[in-house]
Amino acid sequence: QKEIVRMAFDRGLTVQFEIGEKHGGSFTEDIVKELIDQGKKWLDAGAEKIVIEGRESAQNVGLFDGKGKLNPAFAERFVHAYGMERTVFEAPNKPSQFALLNHFGPLVQLSNVRLEELLRVEIYRRGLHSDAFQQEILRPKGPSSNNVHECV
């Protein structure tokens, strides 16, 4: 791992490492523990981010069950282990994107988002999508008393 990261750095590149198998099914408790350990080794070697597998379907893979429902407890374990700034979640479809944003809020990092969905995801992240108003963590905050200027 250290050699791979060093070679990338020598070429002016950074490293992100993806954990989880595309065809391994939904994570189990044991798999999460193994993957956390694997990710920590890559971070210790100098990788900047760990990407959590979500495939193209976000169904029966990684953090998502057979119906595409997010396992938030497992997702939190990755964030706790690596930090929000170094954890990236693959979120290839609207349900996976919205579930992660609803759970973690606007600071969550998403990948594997199709270009044609990017605007919708960012509108939702900023609390401007109609569905985001139902999520306190995403709802835009009103002006604070410090920001209100009196007109004379």
Protein backbone atom coordinates (compact mmCIF):
# COMPACT_ATOMS: atom_id res chain seq x y z
CA GLN A 1 0.00 0.00 0.00
CA LYS A 2 2.72 2.48 0.95
CA GLU A 3 4.58 1.74 -2.27
CA ILE A 4 1.46 2.32 -4.38
CA VAL A 5 0.71 5.60 -2.61
CA ARG A 6 4.35 6.71 -2.95
CA MET A 7 4.30 5.98 -6.69
CA ALA A 8 1.08 7.99 -7.06
CA PHE A 9 2.55 10.92 -5.11
CA ASP A 10 5.72 10.78 -7.22
CA ARG A 11 3.52 11.37 -10.26
CA GLY A 12 1.62 14.25 -8.69
CA LEU A 13 -1.46 12.14 -7.93
CA THR A 14 -3.47 11.50 -4.79
CA VAL A 15 -5.03 8.19 -3.81
CA GLN A 16 -8.57 7.22 -2.97
CA PHE A 17 -9.18 3.59 -2.08
CA GLU A 18 -12.53 1.87 -2.55
CA ILE A 19 -13.61 -0.75 -0.04
CA GLY A 20 -16.30 -3.40 -0.46
CA GLU A 21 -16.99 -5.82 -3.27
CA LYS A 22 -19.27 -5.07 -6.20
CA HIS A 23 -20.80 -8.54 -6.02
CA GLY A 24 -20.35 -9.20 -2.30
CA GLY A 25 -23.90 -8.35 -1.25
CA SER A 26 -24.89 -6.17 1.67
CA PHE A 27 -22.33 -5.67 4.41
CA THR A 28 -22.47 -7.74 7.57
CA GLU A 29 -21.06 -6.84 10.98
CA ASP A 30 -17.90 -8.88 10.33
CA ILE A 31 -17.38 -7.40 6.87
CA VAL A 32 -17.73 -3.84 8.21
CA LYS A 33 -15.02 -4.52 10.80
CA GLU A 34 -12.68 -5.98 8.16
CA LEU A 35 -13.32 -3.11 5.77
CA ILE A 36 -12.72 -0.48 8.45
CA ASP A 37 -9.36 -2.11 9.19
CA GLN A 38 -8.53 -2.26 5.47
CA GLY A 39 -9.42 1.41 4.99
CA LYS A 40 -7.32 2.46 7.98
CA LYS A 41 -4.29 0.71 6.47
CA TRP A 42 -4.73 2.67 3.24
CA LEU A 43 -5.18 5.94 5.12
CA ASP A 44 -2.06 5.19 7.18
CA ALA A 45 -0.22 4.55 3.90
CA GLY A 46 -1.22 8.03 2.69
CA ALA A 47 -4.53 7.59 0.86
CA GLU A 48 -6.65 10.73 1.19
CA LYS A 49 -10.12 9.21 1.02
CA ILE A 50 -11.89 5.89 1.46
CA VAL A 51 -14.79 5.24 -0.90
CA ILE A 52 -17.56 2.90 0.30
CA GLU A 53 -18.88 0.65 -2.49
CA GLY A 54 -22.45 1.25 -3.67
CA ARG A 55 -22.27 -0.08 -7.22
CA GLU A 56 -24.65 1.28 -9.86
CA SER A 57 -27.81 0.05 -8.15
CA ALA A 58 -27.38 0.67 -4.41
CA GLN A 59 -29.31 -2.57 -3.91
CA ASN A 60 -27.98 -5.64 -2.15
CA VAL A 61 -24.51 -4.11 -2.08
CA GLY A 62 -22.45 -2.43 0.61
CA LEU A 63 -24.56 -0.30 2.94
CA PHE A 64 -27.79 -1.03 1.04
CA ASP A 65 -30.08 -4.03 1.51
CA GLY A 66 -31.97 -5.89 -1.22
CA LYS A 67 -34.60 -3.15 -1.36
CA GLY A 68 -32.04 -0.34 -1.47
CA LYS A 69 -32.53 0.73 2.16
CA LEU A 70 -29.47 2.32 3.80
CA ASN A 71 -27.99 0.76 6.93
CA PRO A 72 -27.23 4.00 8.80
CA ALA A 73 -25.50 2.26 11.73
CA PHE A 74 -22.90 0.74 9.38
CA ALA A 75 -22.49 4.06 7.53
CA GLU A 76 -21.83 5.84 10.84
CA ARG A 77 -19.13 3.32 11.73
CA PHE A 78 -17.16 4.26 8.62
CA VAL A 79 -17.50 7.98 9.36
CA HIS A 80 -16.48 7.38 12.97
CA ALA A 81 -13.43 5.37 11.85
CA TYR A 82 -12.22 7.68 9.07
CA GLY A 83 -13.87 11.05 9.71
CA MET A 84 -16.46 12.74 7.51
CA GLU A 85 -13.77 14.54 5.50
CA ARG A 86 -12.10 11.26 4.45
CA THR A 87 -15.21 9.08 3.89
CA VAL A 88 -16.93 9.03 0.51
CA PHE A 89 -20.12 7.06 -0.13
CA GLU A 90 -21.08 5.76 -3.55
CA ALA A 91 -24.67 6.89 -4.11
CA PRO A 92 -25.70 6.02 -7.65
CA ASN A 93 -29.42 6.75 -7.48
CA LYS A 94 -31.90 9.17 -5.94
CA PRO A 95 -32.93 6.95 -2.97
CA SER A 96 -29.28 6.31 -1.98
CA GLN A 97 -28.32 9.97 -2.43
CA PHE A 98 -31.25 11.32 -0.44
CA ALA A 99 -30.87 8.67 2.31
CA LEU A 100 -27.22 9.61 2.89
CA LEU A 101 -27.94 13.34 2.78
CA ASN A 102 -30.92 12.92 5.13
CA HIS A 103 -28.79 10.98 7.60
CA PHE A 104 -25.51 12.90 7.53
CA GLY A 105 -26.53 16.31 6.25
CA PRO A 106 -24.93 18.53 3.64
CA LEU A 107 -21.29 17.71 4.51
CA VAL A 108 -21.51 14.07 3.40
CA GLN A 109 -19.38 13.29 0.34
CA LEU A 110 -21.08 11.34 -2.43
CA SER A 111 -19.58 9.70 -5.49
CA ASN A 112 -20.84 7.66 -8.43
CA VAL A 113 -23.52 10.31 -9.03
CA ARG A 114 -24.49 10.51 -12.70
CA LEU A 115 -23.88 13.87 -14.33
CA GLU A 116 -27.56 14.31 -15.16
CA GLU A 117 -28.42 13.87 -11.45
CA LEU A 118 -25.78 16.22 -10.07
CA LEU A 119 -27.90 19.36 -10.08
CA ARG A 120 -30.77 17.62 -8.26
CA VAL A 121 -28.37 16.25 -5.62
CA GLU A 122 -26.81 19.65 -5.01
CA ILE A 123 -30.20 21.37 -4.85
CA TYR A 124 -31.26 18.78 -2.26
CA ARG A 125 -27.96 19.14 -0.34
CA ARG A 126 -28.52 22.90 -0.03
CA GLY A 127 -32.09 22.41 1.19
CA LEU A 128 -33.69 23.94 -1.88
CA HIS A 129 -35.47 20.77 -3.08
CA SER A 130 -39.08 20.50 -1.88
CA ASP A 131 -38.36 17.13 -0.18
CA ALA A 132 -35.42 18.65 1.72
CA PHE A 133 -37.73 20.97 3.68
CA GLN A 134 -38.97 17.89 5.56
CA GLN A 135 -35.41 17.21 6.77
CA GLU A 136 -34.31 19.55 9.53
CA ILE A 137 -30.66 18.71 8.89
CA LEU A 138 -31.02 20.06 5.32
CA ARG A 139 -33.58 22.81 5.82
CA PRO A 140 -32.12 26.27 5.14
CA LYS A 141 -31.70 28.32 8.28
CA GLY A 142 -33.47 31.65 8.50
CA PRO A 143 -31.57 34.87 9.09
CA SER A 144 -30.09 35.20 12.55
CA SER A 145 -30.47 38.36 14.57
CA ASN A 146 -26.79 39.13 13.86
CA ASN A 147 -27.49 39.23 10.12
CA VAL A 148 -30.58 41.43 10.23
CA HIS A 149 -29.84 45.07 9.42
CA GLU A 150 -32.20 47.77 10.53
CA CYS A 151 -33.37 50.22 7.95
CA VAL A 152 -33.15 53.83 9.10
